[in-house]
């Protein structure tokens, strides 16, 4: 597994995130060869500061915006320099059985931008049957990835959830991953990407293990 750094998205998304926090995240991403995931308000700063592949979040963290508003936010993020978008799915619509409405919403947002969209499904809140349903809906919406969690709800990434979701699309495992051992378990389960605020720790531990 030689391409681990490029498969890690070093993340800073908390409500108290400052410009200096974003610069620090980008410094780490440059040092360790990682991607970065930052709040949309800091995209211009990031694009000027460092040549790093940038993801940002849309309709974060609850996924309850109107389709028109979310499409506008997605286009704005792209215009401001995002290379990829992490879009939050509406868990309430899925729980209510409103699969058609949710699918139409996701399809419109994905189609609104010419860059890859990952859909965050909040897997810890879903049953196995619901994971399969959202997997099919996101795949049908032509998204690029399924992402496990925002990290701001209950729980985070699990091997079990990654194994289910990876049947439908590549998976970004995110939420509670703080070490290389935890990241490796997600990769082994089928994840293609890792999202972590401890991305620097993950890559550093990976390098140390390879050097042994």
Protein backbone atom coordinates (compact mmCIF):
# COMPACT_ATOMS: atom_id res chain seq x y z
CA UNK A 1 0.00 0.00 0.00
CA UNK A 2 2.32 2.71 -1.32
CA UNK A 3 -0.18 5.53 -1.98
CA UNK A 4 -1.53 6.04 1.55
CA UNK A 5 -0.79 9.81 1.85
CA UNK A 6 -2.74 10.58 -1.34
CA UNK A 7 -5.68 8.59 0.04
CA UNK A 8 -5.84 10.59 3.28
CA UNK A 9 -7.86 13.80 3.54
CA UNK A 10 -6.49 15.80 6.46
CA UNK A 11 -9.51 17.54 7.92
CA UNK A 12 -10.37 20.63 9.93
CA UNK A 13 -14.11 21.32 10.13
CA UNK A 14 -15.00 22.23 13.71
CA UNK A 15 -17.19 25.24 14.57
CA UNK A 16 -14.23 27.13 16.05
CA UNK A 17 -11.97 26.62 13.00
CA UNK A 18 -9.84 29.73 12.39
CA UNK A 19 -7.78 30.80 9.38
CA UNK A 20 -4.65 29.75 11.27
CA UNK A 21 -6.18 26.28 11.82
CA UNK A 22 -6.69 25.99 8.08
CA UNK A 23 -3.12 27.09 7.35
CA UNK A 24 -1.85 24.50 9.84
CA UNK A 25 -3.96 21.81 8.17
CA UNK A 26 -2.54 22.76 4.78
CA UNK A 27 1.02 22.82 6.13
CA UNK A 28 0.53 19.26 7.37
CA UNK A 29 -1.01 18.23 4.06
CA UNK A 30 2.01 19.59 2.18
CA UNK A 31 4.50 18.00 4.56
CA UNK A 32 2.92 14.55 4.45
CA UNK A 33 1.59 14.52 0.88
CA UNK A 34 -2.07 14.46 1.89
CA UNK A 35 -5.24 16.03 0.57
CA UNK A 36 -7.17 18.49 2.76
CA UNK A 37 -10.82 18.98 3.69
CA UNK A 38 -11.71 22.44 4.98
CA UNK A 39 -14.78 24.67 5.53
CA UNK A 40 -16.07 26.39 2.40
CA UNK A 41 -15.53 29.91 3.78
CA UNK A 42 -11.78 29.30 3.74
CA UNK A 43 -11.46 28.04 0.16
CA UNK A 44 -10.01 31.28 -1.27
CA UNK A 45 -7.46 31.43 1.56
CA UNK A 46 -6.49 27.80 0.96
CA UNK A 47 -6.27 28.12 -2.81
CA UNK A 48 -3.87 31.05 -2.42
CA UNK A 49 -1.89 29.49 0.42
CA UNK A 50 -0.92 26.05 -0.85
CA UNK A 51 -1.08 23.74 -3.84
CA UNK A 52 -3.10 20.99 -2.17
CA UNK A 53 -6.07 18.99 -3.44
CA UNK A 54 -8.99 20.61 -1.63
CA UNK A 55 -12.29 19.11 -0.57
CA UNK A 56 -14.98 21.08 1.20
CA UNK A 57 -18.35 20.30 2.74
CA UNK A 58 -21.81 21.23 1.46
CA UNK A 59 -25.04 21.38 3.53
CA UNK A 60 -22.94 20.40 6.53
CA UNK A 61 -23.57 18.87 9.01
CA UNK A 62 -27.30 17.98 8.78
CA UNK A 63 -28.14 17.82 5.06
CA UNK A 64 -31.45 19.62 5.41
CA UNK A 65 -31.11 22.47 2.93
CA UNK A 66 -33.40 22.99 -0.05
CA UNK A 67 -32.21 21.61 -3.36
CA UNK A 68 -31.84 25.05 -4.94
CA UNK A 69 -29.83 26.35 -1.98
CA UNK A 70 -27.57 23.30 -1.86
CA UNK A 71 -26.95 23.41 -5.62
CA UNK A 72 -26.00 27.08 -5.28
CA UNK A 73 -23.65 26.28 -2.40
CA UNK A 74 -22.06 23.48 -4.42
CA UNK A 75 -21.47 25.77 -7.40
CA UNK A 76 -20.08 28.49 -5.13
CA UNK A 77 -17.63 26.04 -3.55
CA UNK A 78 -16.45 24.94 -6.98
CA UNK A 79 -16.05 28.56 -8.08
CA UNK A 80 -13.98 29.26 -4.97
CA UNK A 81 -11.49 26.50 -5.68
CA UNK A 82 -12.82 23.20 -4.35
CA UNK A 83 -11.54 20.12 -6.19
CA UNK A 84 -14.11 17.82 -4.56
CA UNK A 85 -17.29 18.24 -2.50
CA UNK A 86 -18.50 16.27 0.52
CA UNK A 87 -22.31 16.59 0.49
CA UNK A 88 -24.43 15.63 3.49
CA UNK A 89 -27.41 13.41 2.77
CA UNK A 90 -30.79 14.05 4.40
CA UNK A 91 -31.12 11.20 6.90
CA UNK A 92 -34.67 12.20 7.78
CA UNK A 93 -35.89 11.69 4.22
CA UNK A 94 -34.30 8.24 4.15
CA UNK A 95 -35.83 7.32 7.52
CA UNK A 96 -39.24 8.47 6.26
CA UNK A 97 -39.00 6.28 3.17
CA UNK A 98 -38.86 9.30 0.88
CA UNK A 99 -36.29 7.63 -1.35
CA UNK A 100 -37.48 9.25 -4.57
CA UNK A 101 -37.26 12.75 -3.11
CA UNK A 102 -33.83 12.10 -1.65
CA UNK A 103 -32.58 10.56 -4.87
CA UNK A 104 -33.81 13.52 -6.93
CA UNK A 105 -32.14 15.95 -4.54
CA UNK A 106 -28.80 14.14 -4.65
CA UNK A 107 -28.94 13.80 -8.43
CA UNK A 108 -29.53 17.53 -8.91
CA UNK A 109 -26.70 18.55 -6.58
CA UNK A 110 -24.22 16.13 -8.14
CA UNK A 111 -25.16 17.40 -11.61
CA UNK A 112 -24.71 21.03 -10.55
CA UNK A 113 -20.90 20.82 -10.53
CA UNK A 114 -18.24 19.23 -12.78
CA UNK A 115 -16.16 17.92 -9.86
CA UNK A 116 -16.42 14.70 -7.82
CA UNK A 117 -19.06 14.64 -5.10
CA UNK A 118 -18.88 12.39 -2.06
CA UNK A 119 -22.16 11.86 -0.24
CA UNK A 120 -22.00 11.68 3.55
CA UNK A 121 -24.64 9.21 4.74
CA UNK A 122 -24.21 9.28 8.55
CA UNK A 123 -23.87 5.51 8.65
CA UNK A 124 -23.96 5.29 12.48
CA UNK A 125 -27.59 6.45 12.34
CA UNK A 126 -28.64 3.85 9.75
CA UNK A 127 -29.63 0.20 9.82
CA UNK A 128 -28.04 -2.26 7.42
CA UNK A 129 -31.14 -2.10 5.21
CA UNK A 130 -30.91 1.69 5.16
CA UNK A 131 -27.21 1.54 4.30
CA UNK A 132 -28.08 -0.58 1.27
CA UNK A 133 -30.85 1.82 0.25
CA UNK A 134 -28.67 4.91 0.50
CA UNK A 135 -25.85 3.09 -1.29
CA UNK A 136 -28.11 2.46 -4.27
CA UNK A 137 -29.52 6.00 -4.22
CA UNK A 138 -26.08 7.63 -4.16
CA UNK A 139 -24.79 5.36 -6.92
CA UNK A 140 -27.85 6.16 -9.04
CA UNK A 141 -27.24 9.88 -8.43
CA UNK A 142 -23.86 9.51 -10.17
CA UNK A 143 -21.85 10.56 -7.11
CA UNK A 144 -18.19 9.60 -6.95
CA UNK A 145 -17.99 8.32 -3.36
CA UNK A 146 -19.98 7.34 -0.33
CA UNK A 147 -18.67 8.83 2.93
CA UNK A 148 -19.47 7.26 6.27
CA UNK A 149 -20.02 10.15 8.66
CA UNK A 150 -19.67 13.86 9.41
CA UNK A 151 -18.02 13.25 12.77
CA UNK A 152 -20.61 15.57 14.33
CA UNK A 153 -23.34 13.01 15.01
CA UNK A 154 -23.35 9.62 16.73
CA UNK A 155 -20.30 7.47 16.12
CA UNK A 156 -17.97 7.30 13.16
CA UNK A 157 -16.57 4.88 10.63
CA UNK A 158 -16.81 1.14 11.22
CA UNK A 159 -15.48 -1.82 9.27
CA UNK A 160 -19.01 -3.19 8.99
CA UNK A 161 -20.42 -0.04 7.45
CA UNK A 162 -17.51 0.30 5.02
CA UNK A 163 -18.00 -3.30 3.88
CA UNK A 164 -21.65 -2.62 3.06
CA UNK A 165 -21.17 0.77 1.38
CA UNK A 166 -18.23 -0.38 -0.71
CA UNK A 167 -20.60 -2.70 -2.58
CA UNK A 168 -22.02 0.40 -4.29
CA UNK A 169 -19.27 3.01 -4.70
CA UNK A 170 -15.77 3.82 -3.49
CA UNK A 171 -15.91 4.78 0.19
CA UNK A 172 -14.34 7.58 2.19
CA UNK A 173 -14.20 6.34 5.78
CA UNK A 174 -14.48 9.26 8.17
CA UNK A 175 -15.24 9.73 11.83
CA UNK A 176 -13.05 8.65 14.74
CA UNK A 177 -10.01 7.48 12.77
CA UNK A 178 -6.95 8.56 14.75
CA UNK A 179 -4.21 6.06 13.99
CA UNK A 180 -2.68 4.05 11.16
CA UNK A 181 -4.05 0.81 12.63
CA UNK A 182 -7.57 2.23 12.52
CA UNK A 183 -7.07 3.57 9.01
CA UNK A 184 -5.64 0.26 7.80
CA UNK A 185 -8.71 -1.57 9.10
CA UNK A 186 -10.86 0.72 6.94
CA UNK A 187 -8.66 0.24 3.88
CA UNK A 188 -8.75 -3.52 4.40
CA UNK A 189 -12.56 -3.35 4.61
CA UNK A 190 -12.70 -1.66 1.19
CA UNK A 191 -12.30 2.08 1.83
CA UNK A 192 -10.54 4.06 -0.89
CA UNK A 193 -10.06 7.23 1.16
CA UNK A 194 -9.72 8.20 4.81
CA UNK A 195 -10.92 11.48 6.27
CA UNK A 196 -9.32 12.39 9.59
CA UNK A 197 -8.36 15.38 11.69
CA UNK A 198 -5.38 13.23 12.67
CA UNK A 199 -4.27 12.59 9.10
CA UNK A 200 -0.74 13.60 9.99
CA UNK A 201 -0.66 10.95 12.72
CA UNK A 202 -2.03 8.31 10.34
CA UNK A 203 0.62 8.99 7.69
CA UNK A 204 3.46 9.34 10.20
CA UNK A 205 2.60 6.00 11.82
CA UNK A 206 2.30 4.40 8.37
CA UNK A 207 5.77 5.66 7.46
CA UNK A 208 7.21 4.41 10.75
CA UNK A 209 5.73 0.95 10.25
CA UNK A 210 7.12 0.74 6.71
CA UNK A 211 10.57 1.68 7.98
CA UNK A 212 10.67 -1.12 10.55
